[in-house]
């Protein structure tokens, strides 16, 4: 998985590219989240547009991200999930926990 970090006026954004599954992808995502939160990031957006699928480890990494940002009194927004990722999040009821937006503009407007 490729992870690109960029900063906007309102938040730091992690652009994920590739399946978010057990192994290097999920571990790399967790490490990147630890890194940006450790740098003092409070507002984090996670771009899921190029994540075609995820598994239970990927869901765990998303939950880790959400709680890591909440722990520092920050806000975490996920946006542009694929249909499959959205269905998986809905199936495990995380769509009621996470703030999930259709696109980056809507996510950034919510900060």
PDB file of N, CA and C in Angstrom:
ATOM      1  N   UNK A   1       0.839  -1.182   0.000  1.00  0.00           N
ATOM      2  CA  UNK A   1       0.000   0.000   0.000  1.00  0.00           C
ATOM      3  C   UNK A   1       0.879   1.239   0.000  1.00  0.00           C
ATOM      4  N   UNK A   2       0.481   2.192  -0.807  1.00  0.00           N
ATOM      5  CA  UNK A   2       1.176   3.475  -0.863  1.00  0.00           C
ATOM      6  C   UNK A   2       0.380   4.473  -0.017  1.00  0.00           C
ATOM      7  N   UNK A   3       1.079   5.223   0.831  1.00  0.00           N
ATOM      8  CA  UNK A   3       0.433   6.231   1.675  1.00  0.00           C
ATOM      9  C   UNK A   3       1.108   7.577   1.423  1.00  0.00           C
ATOM     10  N   UNK A   4       0.322   8.541   1.011  1.00  0.00           N
ATOM     11  CA  UNK A   4       0.822   9.888   0.773  1.00  0.00           C
ATOM     12  C   UNK A   4       0.255  10.801   1.852  1.00  0.00           C
ATOM     13  N   UNK A   5       1.111  11.629   2.420  1.00  0.00           N
ATOM     14  CA  UNK A   5       0.683  12.582   3.456  1.00  0.00           C
ATOM     15  C   UNK A   5       0.688  13.975   2.851  1.00  0.00           C
ATOM     16  N   UNK A   6      -0.404  14.682   3.024  1.00  0.00           N
ATOM     17  CA  UNK A   6      -0.453  16.073   2.582  1.00  0.00           C
ATOM     18  C   UNK A   6      -1.211  16.896   3.615  1.00  0.00           C
ATOM     19  N   UNK A   7      -0.966  18.189   3.575  1.00  0.00           N
ATOM     20  CA  UNK A   7      -1.584  19.075   4.554  1.00  0.00           C
ATOM     21  C   UNK A   7      -2.432  20.116   3.843  1.00  0.00           C
ATOM     22  N   UNK A   8      -3.628  20.340   4.370  1.00  0.00           N
ATOM     23  CA  UNK A   8      -4.508  21.390   3.870  1.00  0.00           C
ATOM     24  C   UNK A   8      -4.657  22.419   4.987  1.00  0.00           C
ATOM     25  N   UNK A   9      -5.453  23.446   4.740  1.00  0.00           N
ATOM     26  CA  UNK A   9      -5.697  24.463   5.769  1.00  0.00           C
ATOM     27  C   UNK A   9      -6.290  23.858   7.033  1.00  0.00           C
ATOM     28  N   UNK A  10      -7.165  22.886   6.853  1.00  0.00           N
ATOM     29  CA  UNK A  10      -7.931  22.381   7.987  1.00  0.00           C
ATOM     30  C   UNK A  10      -7.421  21.073   8.583  1.00  0.00           C
ATOM     31  N   UNK A  11      -6.650  20.282   7.809  1.00  0.00           N
ATOM     32  CA  UNK A  11      -6.278  18.954   8.301  1.00  0.00           C
ATOM     33  C   UNK A  11      -5.078  18.387   7.561  1.00  0.00           C
ATOM     34  N   UNK A  12      -4.512  17.353   8.157  1.00  0.00           N
ATOM     35  CA  UNK A  12      -3.527  16.521   7.476  1.00  0.00           C
ATOM     36  C   UNK A  12      -4.314  15.377   6.855  1.00  0.00           C
ATOM     37  N   UNK A  13      -3.984  15.056   5.614  1.00  0.00           N
ATOM     38  CA  UNK A  13      -4.715  14.003   4.907  1.00  0.00           C
ATOM     39  C   UNK A  13      -3.771  12.860   4.567  1.00  0.00           C
ATOM     40  N   UNK A  14      -4.224  11.644   4.841  1.00  0.00           N
ATOM     41  CA  UNK A  14      -3.512  10.445   4.418  1.00  0.00           C
ATOM     42  C   UNK A  14      -4.256   9.885   3.216  1.00  0.00           C
ATOM     43  N   UNK A  15      -3.597   9.876   2.058  1.00  0.00           N
ATOM     44  CA  UNK A  15      -4.167   9.275   0.855  1.00  0.00           C
ATOM     45  C   UNK A  15      -3.682   7.841   0.793  1.00  0.00           C
ATOM     46  N   UNK A  16      -4.603   6.896   0.931  1.00  0.00           N
ATOM     47  CA  UNK A  16      -4.254   5.478   0.891  1.00  0.00           C
ATOM     48  C   UNK A  16      -4.483   4.940  -0.520  1.00  0.00           C
ATOM     49  N   UNK A  17      -3.565   4.099  -0.988  1.00  0.00           N
ATOM     50  CA  UNK A  17      -3.677   3.532  -2.327  1.00  0.00           C
ATOM     51  C   UNK A  17      -3.332   2.051  -2.275  1.00  0.00           C
ATOM     52  N   UNK A  18      -4.363   1.219  -2.389  1.00  0.00           N
ATOM     53  CA  UNK A  18      -4.187  -0.228  -2.354  1.00  0.00           C
ATOM     54  C   UNK A  18      -5.087  -0.852  -1.308  1.00  0.00           C
ATOM     55  N   UNK A  19      -5.208  -2.183  -1.342  1.00  0.00           N
ATOM     56  CA  UNK A  19      -6.052  -2.874  -0.362  1.00  0.00           C
ATOM     57  C   UNK A  19      -5.512  -2.680   1.057  1.00  0.00           C
ATOM     58  N   UNK A  20      -6.405  -2.412   1.994  1.00  0.00           N
ATOM     59  CA  UNK A  20      -6.020  -2.263   3.403  1.00  0.00           C
ATOM     60  C   UNK A  20      -6.286  -3.600   4.083  1.00  0.00           C
ATOM     61  N   UNK A  21      -5.274  -4.472   4.005  1.00  0.00           N
ATOM     62  CA  UNK A  21      -5.418  -5.831   4.524  1.00  0.00           C
ATOM     63  C   UNK A  21      -4.262  -6.183   5.443  1.00  0.00           C
ATOM     64  N   UNK A  22      -4.400  -7.328   6.113  1.00  0.00           N
ATOM     65  CA  UNK A  22      -3.394  -7.796   7.066  1.00  0.00           C
ATOM     66  C   UNK A  22      -2.014  -7.829   6.416  1.00  0.00           C
ATOM     67  N   UNK A  23      -1.015  -7.476   7.219  1.00  0.00           N
ATOM     68  CA  UNK A  23       0.354  -7.505   6.721  1.00  0.00           C
ATOM     69  C   UNK A  23       0.941  -6.112   6.599  1.00  0.00           C
ATOM     70  N   UNK A  24       1.769  -5.931   5.588  1.00  0.00           N
ATOM     71  CA  UNK A  24       2.491  -4.672   5.421  1.00  0.00           C
ATOM     72  C   UNK A  24       1.576  -3.466   5.269  1.00  0.00           C
ATOM     73  N   UNK A  25       0.477  -3.616   4.548  1.00  0.00           N
ATOM     74  CA  UNK A  25      -0.432  -2.484   4.314  1.00  0.00           C
ATOM     75  C   UNK A  25      -1.008  -1.972   5.629  1.00  0.00           C
ATOM     76  N   UNK A  26      -1.548  -2.881   6.400  1.00  0.00           N
ATOM     77  CA  UNK A  26      -2.177  -2.506   7.674  1.00  0.00           C
ATOM     78  C   UNK A  26      -1.135  -1.990   8.660  1.00  0.00           C
ATOM     79  N   UNK A  27       0.024  -2.636   8.738  1.00  0.00           N
ATOM     80  CA  UNK A  27       1.079  -2.196   9.657  1.00  0.00           C
ATOM     81  C   UNK A  27       1.635  -0.844   9.241  1.00  0.00           C
ATOM     82  N   UNK A  28       1.816  -0.649   7.932  1.00  0.00           N
ATOM     83  CA  UNK A  28       2.322   0.621   7.432  1.00  0.00           C
ATOM     84  C   UNK A  28       1.373   1.766   7.732  1.00  0.00           C
ATOM     85  N   UNK A  29       0.078   1.499   7.612  1.00  0.00           N
ATOM     86  CA  UNK A  29      -0.933   2.506   7.912  1.00  0.00           C
ATOM     87  C   UNK A  29      -0.874   2.888   9.387  1.00  0.00           C
ATOM     88  N   UNK A  30      -0.815   1.896  10.262  1.00  0.00           N
ATOM     89  CA  UNK A  30      -0.724   2.171  11.705  1.00  0.00           C
ATOM     90  C   UNK A  30       0.524   2.999  12.030  1.00  0.00           C
ATOM     91  N   UNK A  31       1.655   2.629  11.424  1.00  0.00           N
ATOM     92  CA  UNK A  31       2.907   3.354  11.673  1.00  0.00           C
ATOM     93  C   UNK A  31       2.803   4.804  11.212  1.00  0.00           C
ATOM     94  N   UNK A  32       2.199   5.031  10.051  1.00  0.00           N
ATOM     95  CA  UNK A  32       2.054   6.393   9.528  1.00  0.00           C
ATOM     96  C   UNK A  32       1.152   7.215  10.448  1.00  0.00           C
ATOM     97  N   UNK A  33       0.088   6.597  10.953  1.00  0.00           N
ATOM     98  CA  UNK A  33      -0.809   7.294  11.882  1.00  0.00           C
ATOM     99  C   UNK A  33      -0.052   7.665  13.159  1.00  0.00           C
ATOM    100  N   UNK A  34       0.718   6.731  13.717  1.00  0.00           N
ATOM    101  CA  UNK A  34       1.519   7.024  14.915  1.00  0.00           C
ATOM    102  C   UNK A  34       2.464   8.189  14.642  1.00  0.00           C
ATOM    103  N   UNK A  35       3.064   8.183  13.461  1.00  0.00           N
ATOM    104  CA  UNK A  35       4.016   9.233  13.085  1.00  0.00           C
ATOM    105  C   UNK A  35       3.347  10.610  13.050  1.00  0.00           C
ATOM    106  N   UNK A  36       2.219  10.720  12.336  1.00  0.00           N
ATOM    107  CA  UNK A  36       1.584  12.049  12.206  1.00  0.00           C
ATOM    108  C   UNK A  36       0.970  12.513  13.522  1.00  0.00           C
ATOM    109  N   UNK A  37       0.395  11.606  14.291  1.00  0.00           N
ATOM    110  CA  UNK A  37      -0.163  11.987  15.596  1.00  0.00           C
ATOM    111  C   UNK A  37       0.984  12.402  16.528  1.00  0.00           C
ATOM    112  N   UNK A  38       2.106  11.705  16.426  1.00  0.00           N
ATOM    113  CA  UNK A  38       3.281  12.051  17.227  1.00  0.00           C
ATOM    114  C   UNK A  38       3.836  13.423  16.884  1.00  0.00           C
ATOM    115  N   UNK A  39       3.591  13.884  15.662  1.00  0.00           N
ATOM    116  CA  UNK A  39       4.033  15.213  15.237  1.00  0.00           C
ATOM    117  C   UNK A  39       3.059  16.309  15.669  1.00  0.00           C
ATOM    118  N   UNK A  40       1.974  15.907  16.335  1.00  0.00           N
ATOM    119  CA  UNK A  40       1.029  16.890  16.858  1.00  0.00           C
ATOM    120  C   UNK A  40      -0.206  17.132  16.004  1.00  0.00           C
ATOM    121  N   UNK A  41      -0.428  16.285  15.022  1.00  0.00           N
ATOM    122  CA  UNK A  41      -1.616  16.441  14.174  1.00  0.00           C
ATOM    123  C   UNK A  41      -2.873  16.179  15.008  1.00  0.00           C
ATOM    124  N   UNK A  42      -3.831  17.109  14.939  1.00  0.00           N
ATOM    125  CA  UNK A  42      -5.103  16.965  15.664  1.00  0.00           C
ATOM    126  C   UNK A  42      -6.257  16.658  14.724  1.00  0.00           C
ATOM    127  N   UNK A  43      -6.206  17.187  13.506  1.00  0.00           N
ATOM    128  CA  UNK A  43      -7.264  16.944  12.523  1.00  0.00           C
ATOM    129  C   UNK A  43      -6.701  16.059  11.420  1.00  0.00           C
ATOM    130  N   UNK A  44      -7.276  14.862  11.293  1.00  0.00           N
ATOM    131  CA  UNK A  44      -6.781  13.897  10.323  1.00  0.00           C
ATOM    132  C   UNK A  44      -7.900  13.448   9.400  1.00  0.00           C
ATOM    133  N   UNK A  45      -7.640  13.522   8.106  1.00  0.00           N
ATOM    134  CA  UNK A  45      -8.559  12.995   7.104  1.00  0.00           C
ATOM    135  C   UNK A  45      -7.926  11.780   6.464  1.00  0.00           C
ATOM    136  N   UNK A  46      -8.708  10.737   6.265  1.00  0.00           N
ATOM    137  CA  UNK A  46      -8.199   9.520   5.632  1.00  0.00           C
ATOM    138  C   UNK A  46      -8.958   9.311   4.335  1.00  0.00           C
ATOM    139  N   UNK A  47      -8.235   9.422   3.236  1.00  0.00           N
ATOM    140  CA  UNK A  47      -8.811   9.274   1.902  1.00  0.00           C
ATOM    141  C   UNK A  47      -8.823   7.800   1.519  1.00  0.00           C
ATOM    142  N   UNK A  48     -10.019   7.238   1.414  1.00  0.00           N
ATOM    143  CA  UNK A  48     -10.185   5.815   1.092  1.00  0.00           C
ATOM    144  C   UNK A  48     -10.549   5.582  -0.378  1.00  0.00           C
ATOM    145  N   UNK A  49     -10.458   6.617  -1.208  1.00  0.00           N
ATOM    146  CA  UNK A  49     -10.906   6.512  -2.604  1.00  0.00           C
ATOM    147  C   UNK A  49     -10.199   5.397  -3.374  1.00  0.00           C
ATOM    148  N   UNK A  50      -8.907   5.183  -3.100  1.00  0.00           N
ATOM    149  CA  UNK A  50      -8.148   4.172  -3.833  1.00  0.00           C
ATOM    150  C   UNK A  50      -7.903   2.902  -3.025  1.00  0.00           C
ATOM    151  N   UNK A  51      -8.792   2.657  -2.054  1.00  0.00           N
ATOM    152  CA  UNK A  51      -8.743   1.421  -1.266  1.00  0.00           C
ATOM    153  C   UNK A  51      -9.898   0.540  -1.752  1.00  0.00           C
ATOM    154  N   UNK A  52      -9.602  -0.440  -2.608  1.00  0.00           N
ATOM    155  CA  UNK A  52     -10.685  -1.248  -3.177  1.00  0.00           C
ATOM    156  C   UNK A  52     -11.366  -2.178  -2.175  1.00  0.00           C
ATOM    157  N   UNK A  53     -10.601  -2.635  -1.175  1.00  0.00           N
ATOM    158  CA  UNK A  53     -11.162  -3.565  -0.204  1.00  0.00           C
ATOM    159  C   UNK A  53     -10.364  -3.516   1.093  1.00  0.00           C
ATOM    160  N   UNK A  54     -10.954  -4.075   2.133  1.00  0.00           N
ATOM    161  CA  UNK A  54     -10.287  -4.167   3.430  1.00  0.00           C
ATOM    162  C   UNK A  54     -10.688  -5.486   4.084  1.00  0.00           C
ATOM    163  N   UNK A  55      -9.996  -5.833   5.150  1.00  0.00           N
ATOM    164  CA  UNK A  55     -10.352  -7.028   5.919  1.00  0.00           C
ATOM    165  C   UNK A  55     -10.420  -6.643   7.394  1.00  0.00           C
ATOM    166  N   UNK A  56     -10.530  -7.635   8.263  1.00  0.00           N
ATOM    167  CA  UNK A  56     -10.677  -7.322   9.688  1.00  0.00           C
ATOM    168  C   UNK A  56      -9.461  -6.585  10.237  1.00  0.00           C
ATOM    169  N   UNK A  57      -8.278  -6.875   9.735  1.00  0.00           N
ATOM    170  CA  UNK A  57      -7.086  -6.160  10.185  1.00  0.00           C
ATOM    171  C   UNK A  57      -7.112  -4.710   9.722  1.00  0.00           C
ATOM    172  N   UNK A  58      -7.589  -4.482   8.508  1.00  0.00           N
ATOM    173  CA  UNK A  58      -7.736  -3.121   7.993  1.00  0.00           C
ATOM    174  C   UNK A  58      -8.749  -2.338   8.811  1.00  0.00           C
ATOM    175  N   UNK A  59      -9.838  -3.003   9.174  1.00  0.00           N
ATOM    176  CA  UNK A  59     -10.854  -2.358  10.019  1.00  0.00           C
ATOM    177  C   UNK A  59     -10.240  -2.023  11.382  1.00  0.00           C
ATOM    178  N   UNK A  60      -9.446  -2.934  11.903  1.00  0.00           N
ATOM    179  CA  UNK A  60      -8.750  -2.682  13.171  1.00  0.00           C
ATOM    180  C   UNK A  60      -7.818  -1.488  13.061  1.00  0.00           C
ATOM    181  N   UNK A  61      -7.139  -1.355  11.925  1.00  0.00           N
ATOM    182  CA  UNK A  61      -6.241  -0.214  11.713  1.00  0.00           C
ATOM    183  C   UNK A  61      -7.029   1.090  11.633  1.00  0.00           C
ATOM    184  N   UNK A  62      -8.215   1.048  11.024  1.00  0.00           N
ATOM    185  CA  UNK A  62      -9.060   2.246  10.976  1.00  0.00           C
ATOM    186  C   UNK A  62      -9.532   2.615  12.383  1.00  0.00           C
ATOM    187  N   UNK A  63      -9.900   1.600  13.171  1.00  0.00           N
ATOM    188  CA  UNK A  63     -10.327   1.849  14.555  1.00  0.00           C
ATOM    189  C   UNK A  63      -9.161   2.417  15.370  1.00  0.00           C
ATOM    190  N   UNK A  64      -7.956   1.872  15.151  1.00  0.00           N
ATOM    191  CA  UNK A  64      -6.753   2.382  15.808  1.00  0.00           C
ATOM    192  C   UNK A  64      -6.557   3.860  15.470  1.00  0.00           C
ATOM    193  N   UNK A  65      -6.730   4.197  14.195  1.00  0.00           N
ATOM    194  CA  UNK A  65      -6.558   5.582  13.727  1.00  0.00           C
ATOM    195  C   UNK A  65      -7.546   6.499  14.427  1.00  0.00           C
ATOM    196  N   UNK A  66      -8.805   6.088  14.428  1.00  0.00           N
ATOM    197  CA  UNK A  66      -9.867   6.877  15.048  1.00  0.00           C
ATOM    198  C   UNK A  66      -9.570   7.127  16.530  1.00  0.00           C
ATOM    199  N   UNK A  67      -9.183   6.074  17.255  1.00  0.00           N
ATOM    200  CA  UNK A  67      -8.941   6.221  18.699  1.00  0.00           C
ATOM    201  C   UNK A  67      -7.647   6.985  18.982  1.00  0.00           C
ATOM    202  N   UNK A  68      -6.623   6.810  18.138  1.00  0.00           N
ATOM    203  CA  UNK A  68      -5.356   7.529  18.346  1.00  0.00           C
ATOM    204  C   UNK A  68      -5.573   9.033  18.228  1.00  0.00           C
ATOM    205  N   UNK A  69      -6.391   9.440  17.254  1.00  0.00           N
ATOM    206  CA  UNK A  69      -6.665  10.862  17.069  1.00  0.00           C
ATOM    207  C   UNK A  69      -7.572  11.382  18.184  1.00  0.00           C
ATOM    208  N   UNK A  70      -8.568  10.600  18.572  1.00  0.00           N
ATOM    209  CA  UNK A  70      -9.458  11.003  19.673  1.00  0.00           C
ATOM    210  C   UNK A  70      -8.673  11.169  20.977  1.00  0.00           C
ATOM    211  N   UNK A  71      -7.675  10.302  21.186  1.00  0.00           N
ATOM    212  CA  UNK A  71      -6.880  10.337  22.414  1.00  0.00           C
ATOM    213  C   UNK A  71      -6.140  11.662  22.593  1.00  0.00           C
ATOM    214  N   UNK A  72      -5.822  12.328  21.477  1.00  0.00           N
ATOM    215  CA  UNK A  72      -5.135  13.623  21.563  1.00  0.00           C
ATOM    216  C   UNK A  72      -6.124  14.772  21.357  1.00  0.00           C
ATOM    217  N   UNK A  73      -7.400  14.482  21.618  1.00  0.00           N
ATOM    218  CA  UNK A  73      -8.491  15.460  21.482  1.00  0.00           C
ATOM    219  C   UNK A  73      -8.620  16.004  20.064  1.00  0.00           C
ATOM    220  N   UNK A  74      -8.350  15.145  19.096  1.00  0.00           N
ATOM    221  CA  UNK A  74      -8.464  15.535  17.700  1.00  0.00           C
ATOM    222  C   UNK A  74      -9.708  14.975  17.047  1.00  0.00           C
ATOM    223  N   UNK A  75      -9.804  15.217  15.737  1.00  0.00           N
ATOM    224  CA  UNK A  75     -10.939  14.727  14.950  1.00  0.00           C
ATOM    225  C   UNK A  75     -10.411  13.928  13.771  1.00  0.00           C
ATOM    226  N   UNK A  76     -11.044  12.794  13.522  1.00  0.00           N
ATOM    227  CA  UNK A  76     -10.663  11.914  12.418  1.00  0.00           C
ATOM    228  C   UNK A  76     -11.866  11.737  11.499  1.00  0.00           C
ATOM    229  N   UNK A  77     -11.664  12.007  10.221  1.00  0.00           N
ATOM    230  CA  UNK A  77     -12.740  11.861   9.229  1.00  0.00           C
ATOM    231  C   UNK A  77     -12.252  10.931   8.118  1.00  0.00           C
ATOM    232  N   UNK A  78     -13.086   9.986   7.748  1.00  0.00           N
ATOM    233  CA  UNK A  78     -12.789   9.102   6.624  1.00  0.00           C
ATOM    234  C   UNK A  78     -13.632   9.567   5.446  1.00  0.00           C
ATOM    235  N   UNK A  79     -13.061   9.539   4.244  1.00  0.00           N
ATOM    236  CA  UNK A  79     -13.861   9.980   3.107  1.00  0.00           C
ATOM    237  C   UNK A  79     -13.575   9.192   1.837  1.00  0.00           C
ATOM    238  N   UNK A  80     -14.571   9.229   0.956  1.00  0.00           N
ATOM    239  CA  UNK A  80     -14.544   8.605  -0.369  1.00  0.00           C
ATOM    240  C   UNK A  80     -14.309   7.093  -0.352  1.00  0.00           C
ATOM    241  N   UNK A  81     -14.978   6.362   0.560  1.00  0.00           N
ATOM    242  CA  UNK A  81     -14.768   4.908   0.552  1.00  0.00           C
ATOM    243  C   UNK A  81     -15.409   4.279  -0.685  1.00  0.00           C
ATOM    244  N   UNK A  82     -14.779   3.208  -1.167  1.00  0.00           N
ATOM    245  CA  UNK A  82     -15.369   2.457  -2.275  1.00  0.00           C
ATOM    246  C   UNK A  82     -16.662   1.813  -1.777  1.00  0.00           C
ATOM    247  N   UNK A  83     -17.455   1.349  -2.705  1.00  0.00           N
ATOM    248  CA  UNK A  83     -18.725   0.717  -2.333  1.00  0.00           C
ATOM    249  C   UNK A  83     -18.483  -0.472  -1.399  1.00  0.00           C
ATOM    250  N   UNK A  84     -17.467  -1.282  -1.708  1.00  0.00           N
ATOM    251  CA  UNK A  84     -17.187  -2.461  -0.888  1.00  0.00           C
ATOM    252  C   UNK A  84     -16.720  -2.077   0.515  1.00  0.00           C
ATOM    253  N   UNK A  85     -15.833  -1.091   0.614  1.00  0.00           N
ATOM    254  CA  UNK A  85     -15.351  -0.667   1.932  1.00  0.00           C
ATOM    255  C   UNK A  85     -16.503  -0.080   2.742  1.00  0.00           C
ATOM    256  N   UNK A  86     -17.344   0.717   2.096  1.00  0.00           N
ATOM    257  CA  UNK A  86     -18.504   1.296   2.789  1.00  0.00           C
ATOM    258  C   UNK A  86     -19.427   0.183   3.310  1.00  0.00           C
ATOM    259  N   UNK A  87     -19.658  -0.849   2.495  1.00  0.00           N
ATOM    260  CA  UNK A  87     -20.524  -1.958   2.917  1.00  0.00           C
ATOM    261  C   UNK A  87     -19.937  -2.701   4.111  1.00  0.00           C
ATOM    262  N   UNK A  88     -18.611  -2.892   4.097  1.00  0.00           N
ATOM    263  CA  UNK A  88     -17.961  -3.590   5.205  1.00  0.00           C
ATOM    264  C   UNK A  88     -18.086  -2.765   6.484  1.00  0.00           C
ATOM    265  N   UNK A  89     -17.849  -1.459   6.395  1.00  0.00           N
ATOM    266  CA  UNK A  89     -17.974  -0.599   7.577  1.00  0.00           C
ATOM    267  C   UNK A  89     -19.402  -0.590   8.103  1.00  0.00           C
ATOM    268  N   UNK A  90     -20.358  -0.619   7.194  1.00  0.00           N
ATOM    269  CA  UNK A  90     -21.761  -0.659   7.594  1.00  0.00           C
ATOM    270  C   UNK A  90     -22.087  -2.001   8.268  1.00  0.00           C
ATOM    271  N   UNK A  91     -21.556  -3.077   7.716  1.00  0.00           N
ATOM    272  CA  UNK A  91     -21.814  -4.415   8.238  1.00  0.00           C
ATOM    273  C   UNK A  91     -21.328  -4.566   9.683  1.00  0.00           C
ATOM    274  N   UNK A  92     -20.188  -3.944  10.006  1.00  0.00           N
ATOM    275  CA  UNK A  92     -19.653  -4.049  11.366  1.00  0.00           C
ATOM    276  C   UNK A  92     -20.056  -2.845  12.229  1.00  0.00           C
ATOM    277  N   UNK A  93     -21.015  -2.061  11.715  1.00  0.00           N
ATOM    278  CA  UNK A  93     -21.615  -0.925  12.416  1.00  0.00           C
ATOM    279  C   UNK A  93     -20.649   0.231  12.706  1.00  0.00           C
ATOM    280  N   UNK A  94     -19.501   0.255  12.041  1.00  0.00           N
ATOM    281  CA  UNK A  94     -18.578   1.361  12.257  1.00  0.00           C
ATOM    282  C   UNK A  94     -19.020   2.618  11.519  1.00  0.00           C
ATOM    283  N   UNK A  95     -19.987   2.481  10.628  1.00  0.00           N
ATOM    284  CA  UNK A  95     -20.541   3.673   9.975  1.00  0.00           C
ATOM    285  C   UNK A  95     -21.301   4.532  10.991  1.00  0.00           C
ATOM    286  N   UNK A  96     -21.625   3.947  12.155  1.00  0.00           N
ATOM    287  CA  UNK A  96     -22.298   4.709  13.209  1.00  0.00           C
ATOM    288  C   UNK A  96     -21.293   5.311  14.187  1.00  0.00           C
ATOM    289  N   UNK A  97     -20.013   4.897  14.084  1.00  0.00           N
ATOM    290  CA  UNK A  97     -18.960   5.388  14.970  1.00  0.00           C
ATOM    291  C   UNK A  97     -18.086   6.408  14.244  1.00  0.00           C
ATOM    292  N   UNK A  98     -17.618   6.022  13.072  1.00  0.00           N
ATOM    293  CA  UNK A  98     -16.749   6.893  12.275  1.00  0.00           C
ATOM    294  C   UNK A  98     -17.553   7.992  11.602  1.00  0.00           C
ATOM    295  N   UNK A  99     -16.883   9.096  11.334  1.00  0.00           N
ATOM    296  CA  UNK A  99     -17.465  10.133  10.494  1.00  0.00           C
ATOM    297  C   UNK A  99     -16.986   9.820   9.074  1.00  0.00           C
ATOM    298  N   UNK A 100     -17.924   9.426   8.217  1.00  0.00           N
ATOM    299  CA  UNK A 100     -17.598   9.015   6.851  1.00  0.00           C
ATOM    300  C   UNK A 100     -18.288   9.970   5.879  1.00  0.00           C
ATOM    301  N   UNK A 101     -17.499  10.521   4.969  1.00  0.00           N
ATOM    302  CA  UNK A 101     -18.012  11.492   3.996  1.00  0.00           C
ATOM    303  C   UNK A 101     -17.810  10.980   2.579  1.00  0.00           C
ATOM    304  N   UNK A 102     -18.658  11.451   1.671  1.00  0.00           N
ATOM    305  CA  UNK A 102     -18.593  11.015   0.277  1.00  0.00           C
ATOM    306  C   UNK A 102     -17.355  11.536  -0.436  1.00  0.00           C
ATOM    307  N   UNK A 103     -16.887  12.726  -0.054  1.00  0.00           N
ATOM    308  CA  UNK A 103     -15.736  13.291  -0.754  1.00  0.00           C
ATOM    309  C   UNK A 103     -14.902  14.165   0.186  1.00  0.00           C
ATOM    310  N   UNK A 104     -13.748  14.561  -0.309  1.00  0.00           N
ATOM    311  CA  UNK A 104     -12.818  15.347   0.503  1.00  0.00           C
ATOM    312  C   UNK A 104     -13.408  16.701   0.904  1.00  0.00           C
ATOM    313  N   UNK A 105     -14.098  17.351  -0.012  1.00  0.00           N
ATOM    314  CA  UNK A 105     -14.657  18.677   0.280  1.00  0.00           C
ATOM    315  C   UNK A 105     -15.610  18.616   1.466  1.00  0.00           C
ATOM    316  N   UNK A 106     -16.471  17.606   1.492  1.00  0.00           N
ATOM    317  CA  UNK A 106     -17.428  17.467   2.594  1.00  0.00           C
ATOM    318  C   UNK A 106     -16.697  17.158   3.911  1.00  0.00           C
ATOM    319  N   UNK A 107     -15.680  16.314   3.844  1.00  0.00           N
ATOM    320  CA  UNK A 107     -14.917  15.974   5.045  1.00  0.00           C
ATOM    321  C   UNK A 107     -14.205  17.207   5.593  1.00  0.00           C
ATOM    322  N   UNK A 108     -13.567  17.980   4.723  1.00  0.00           N
ATOM    323  CA  UNK A 108     -12.829  19.169   5.170  1.00  0.00           C
ATOM    324  C   UNK A 108     -13.778  20.238   5.718  1.00  0.00           C
ATOM    325  N   UNK A 109     -14.948  20.350   5.131  1.00  0.00           N
ATOM    326  CA  UNK A 109     -15.937  21.328   5.596  1.00  0.00           C
ATOM    327  C   UNK A 109     -16.426  21.000   7.008  1.00  0.00           C
ATOM    328  N   UNK A 110     -16.293  19.731   7.419  1.00  0.00           N
ATOM    329  CA  UNK A 110     -16.807  19.313   8.721  1.00  0.00           C
ATOM    330  C   UNK A 110     -15.814  19.580   9.875  1.00  0.00           C
ATOM    331  N   UNK A 111     -14.598  19.963   9.561  1.00  0.00           N
ATOM    332  CA  UNK A 111     -13.620  20.255  10.631  1.00  0.00           C
ATOM    333  C   UNK A 111     -13.902  21.601  11.253  1.00  0.00           C
TER     334      UNK A 111
END
